[in-house]
Protein backbone atom coordinates (compact mmCIF):
# COMPACT_ATOMS: atom_id res chain seq x y z
CA UNK A 1 12.06 32.87 -8.61
CA UNK A 2 14.34 30.01 -10.25
CA UNK A 3 16.98 27.93 -9.19
CA UNK A 4 19.81 28.51 -11.96
CA UNK A 5 22.85 26.49 -12.87
CA UNK A 6 26.01 27.09 -11.10
CA UNK A 7 28.75 27.42 -13.58
CA UNK A 8 32.25 25.54 -12.72
CA UNK A 9 35.65 26.79 -13.05
CA UNK A 10 36.89 27.28 -16.53
CA UNK A 11 33.83 29.15 -17.48
CA UNK A 12 34.80 32.62 -18.72
CA UNK A 13 32.47 34.88 -16.48
CA UNK A 14 34.24 33.32 -13.45
CA UNK A 15 37.68 34.47 -14.51
CA UNK A 16 37.05 38.23 -15.28
CA UNK A 17 36.15 41.14 -13.10
CA UNK A 18 32.24 41.84 -13.05
CA UNK A 19 30.73 45.07 -13.73
CA UNK A 20 29.28 47.32 -11.35
CA UNK A 21 25.32 47.41 -10.98
CA UNK A 22 23.95 50.71 -12.18
CA UNK A 23 20.19 50.01 -11.82
CA UNK A 24 18.40 48.89 -8.59
CA UNK A 25 15.24 47.99 -10.24
CA UNK A 26 12.79 45.05 -10.59
CA UNK A 27 15.27 43.19 -12.67
CA UNK A 28 17.77 43.45 -10.04
CA UNK A 29 15.40 42.36 -7.33
CA UNK A 30 14.44 39.27 -9.56
CA UNK A 31 17.97 38.30 -10.10
CA UNK A 32 18.72 38.62 -6.18
CA UNK A 33 15.79 36.17 -5.51
CA UNK A 34 16.99 33.70 -7.85
CA UNK A 35 20.38 34.00 -6.26
CA UNK A 36 18.84 33.14 -2.97
CA UNK A 37 16.94 30.42 -4.32
CA UNK A 38 20.03 28.90 -5.99
CA UNK A 39 22.24 29.39 -2.88
CA UNK A 40 19.59 27.74 -0.68
CA UNK A 41 19.00 24.66 -3.08
CA UNK A 42 22.97 24.24 -3.27
CA UNK A 43 23.14 24.42 0.62
CA UNK A 44 25.69 27.19 0.19
CA UNK A 45 26.71 29.80 2.66
CA UNK A 46 27.16 32.47 -0.24
CA UNK A 47 26.82 32.97 -3.88
CA UNK A 48 28.03 35.69 -6.23
CA UNK A 49 26.32 36.48 -9.49
CA UNK A 50 29.07 35.25 -11.62
CA UNK A 51 28.59 31.64 -10.37
CA UNK A 52 25.31 31.87 -12.24
CA UNK A 53 26.63 33.34 -15.16
CA UNK A 54 25.89 36.84 -14.55
CA UNK A 55 28.83 39.18 -14.49
CA UNK A 56 27.60 41.77 -12.03
CA UNK A 57 29.12 42.82 -8.55
CA UNK A 58 26.40 41.09 -6.39
CA UNK A 59 26.50 38.27 -3.82
CA UNK A 60 24.20 36.76 -1.45
CA UNK A 61 24.99 35.16 1.87
CA UNK A 62 23.43 32.97 4.56
CA UNK A 63 25.65 32.79 7.65
CA UNK A 64 24.90 33.00 11.18
CA UNK A 65 27.44 35.32 12.85
CA UNK A 66 28.27 37.10 16.35
CA UNK A 67 28.79 40.40 14.69
CA UNK A 68 25.26 41.71 14.84
CA UNK A 69 24.68 41.34 11.21
CA UNK A 70 21.58 39.81 9.82
CA UNK A 71 22.33 36.09 9.08
CA UNK A 72 21.09 36.38 5.33
CA UNK A 73 21.68 39.32 2.97
CA UNK A 74 22.92 40.69 -0.26
CA UNK A 75 25.53 42.97 -1.14
CA UNK A 76 25.60 45.14 -4.37
CA UNK A 77 28.85 46.61 -5.44
CA UNK A 78 30.75 45.97 -2.25
CA UNK A 79 33.88 46.99 -1.18
CA UNK A 80 36.02 45.15 1.33
CA UNK A 81 38.91 46.40 3.58
CA UNK A 82 40.75 43.56 4.95
CA UNK A 83 42.78 42.94 8.07
CA UNK A 84 46.05 41.14 7.79
CA UNK A 85 46.43 37.75 6.46
CA UNK A 86 48.67 35.58 8.41
CA UNK A 87 51.70 34.14 6.66
CA UNK A 88 51.57 30.86 8.48
CA UNK A 89 50.63 27.72 6.49
CA UNK A 90 46.66 27.02 6.66
CA UNK A 91 45.37 24.42 9.08
CA UNK A 92 43.74 21.77 6.90
CA UNK A 93 41.25 20.64 9.70
CA UNK A 94 40.17 24.54 10.49
CA UNK A 95 40.68 26.44 7.28
CA UNK A 96 39.46 24.37 4.33
CA UNK A 97 37.17 26.19 1.88
CA UNK A 98 34.86 24.69 -0.61
CA UNK A 99 33.16 26.51 -3.59
CA UNK A 100 30.18 25.74 -5.53
CA UNK A 101 32.00 26.40 -8.63
CA UNK A 102 34.59 23.96 -7.81
CA UNK A 103 32.02 21.39 -6.87
CA UNK A 104 32.89 18.53 -4.29
CA UNK A 105 36.46 19.83 -3.33
CA UNK A 106 37.87 21.51 -0.56
CA UNK A 107 41.35 23.07 0.33
CA UNK A 108 43.00 24.93 3.23
CA UNK A 109 43.40 28.79 2.80
CA UNK A 110 44.55 31.70 5.03
CA UNK A 111 42.21 34.40 5.15
CA UNK A 112 41.86 37.65 7.22
CA UNK A 113 40.08 37.17 10.38
CA UNK A 114 38.59 40.41 10.12
CA UNK A 115 37.03 42.65 7.14
CA UNK A 116 34.81 45.70 6.86
CA UNK A 117 32.11 45.46 4.27
CA UNK A 118 30.39 48.43 2.57
CA UNK A 119 28.11 48.30 -0.23
CA UNK A 120 24.11 48.58 -1.03
CA UNK A 121 21.23 46.18 -0.58
CA UNK A 122 19.00 45.34 -3.39
CA UNK A 123 17.13 48.37 -2.83
CA UNK A 124 20.00 50.82 -3.06
CA UNK A 125 20.16 51.34 0.70
CA UNK A 126 23.84 51.67 2.16
CA UNK A 127 25.22 48.57 4.04
CA UNK A 128 28.07 48.76 6.18
CA UNK A 129 29.37 46.29 8.85
CA UNK A 130 32.48 44.42 10.16
CA UNK A 131 32.90 40.51 9.87
CA UNK A 132 34.87 38.35 11.92
CA UNK A 133 36.20 34.76 11.68
CA UNK A 134 34.37 32.52 9.43
CA UNK A 135 31.86 35.27 8.41
CA UNK A 136 34.94 37.33 7.34
CA UNK A 137 35.95 34.34 5.30
CA UNK A 138 32.58 34.03 3.59
CA UNK A 139 32.78 37.75 2.56
CA UNK A 140 36.17 37.38 1.26
CA UNK A 141 35.41 34.16 -0.61
CA UNK A 142 32.37 35.87 -2.37
CA UNK A 143 34.12 39.12 -2.95
CA UNK A 144 36.90 37.33 -4.94
CA UNK A 145 34.27 36.12 -7.35
CA UNK A 146 33.64 39.51 -8.23
CA UNK A 147 37.06 40.17 -9.12
CA UNK A 148 37.24 37.13 -11.25
CA UNK A 149 39.33 35.13 -8.79
CA UNK A 150 38.35 31.65 -7.02
CA UNK A 151 39.67 30.53 -3.67
CA UNK A 152 41.70 27.84 -5.73
CA UNK A 153 43.63 30.83 -7.25
CA UNK A 154 44.79 31.93 -3.73
CA UNK A 155 45.98 28.50 -2.50
CA UNK A 156 49.70 28.10 -1.41
CA UNK A 157 51.99 26.06 -3.80
CA UNK A 158 51.19 22.62 -1.87
CA UNK A 159 47.44 23.04 -2.10
CA UNK A 160 47.48 24.87 -5.36
CA UNK A 161 49.07 21.74 -6.99
CA UNK A 162 46.57 19.40 -5.62
CA UNK A 163 43.74 21.87 -6.63
CA UNK A 164 45.19 22.07 -10.28
CA UNK A 165 45.25 18.00 -10.49
CA UNK A 166 41.77 17.64 -9.25
CA UNK A 167 40.52 20.53 -11.79
CA UNK A 168 42.20 18.70 -14.56
CA UNK A 169 41.14 15.10 -13.43
CA UNK A 170 37.46 16.45 -13.31
CA UNK A 171 37.90 17.71 -16.92
CA UNK A 172 37.03 21.24 -16.10
CA UNK A 173 39.02 24.49 -17.12
CA UNK A 174 38.51 24.13 -20.75
CA UNK A 175 35.17 25.76 -21.37
CA UNK A 176 32.07 26.04 -19.96
CA UNK A 177 30.38 23.61 -17.61
CA UNK A 178 27.64 23.87 -14.84
CA UNK A 179 25.68 21.65 -12.42
CA UNK A 180 22.00 22.44 -11.37
CA UNK A 181 21.35 22.45 -7.40
CA UNK A 182 18.39 20.49 -6.55
CA UNK A 183 18.43 18.42 -9.75
CA UNK A 184 22.16 17.04 -10.09
CA UNK A 185 23.74 15.14 -7.44
CA UNK A 186 24.78 17.28 -4.49
CA UNK A 187 28.57 17.51 -4.76
CA UNK A 188 29.16 18.18 -1.32
CA UNK A 189 26.68 15.33 0.00
CA UNK A 190 24.22 17.44 1.88
């Protein structure tokens, strides 16, 4: 197991759809273990494989929930069915998201309050559950990474402008950059 660098917005693998996993083997299980270790070192609630430079449809999560779902898991080749997303403006105090690939920043975003998740675990066994509230938000956020989207791509005009200015000010978006959890300063101050 190893902590891997987390790539930052602008790195090409983050901005293209990830490939389906075709082999549930020791290599996949080792990748998943590295993802858990990296997510934990970064104090994240989720981590998608593209965030560590691997263009595969996998994400891990660590989030206590009231949905009867284990608080820690992995989803391989997931499919999400979303509930309705409100068209109201997001609440900056209650709906702000952050992302390990846009380190140190957060902006409000409306998400569906309910999703159904289906996919596989690292052993190829089917996984199927519903997620509500913030757990549903985590599922949507990580799933977006598998489609080459970051949450900043979904922000409304007001917050999107602020995000683009921040990304530009950080010098991101023009190629590959990364940070190493547990070694580099924690961008979220954990």
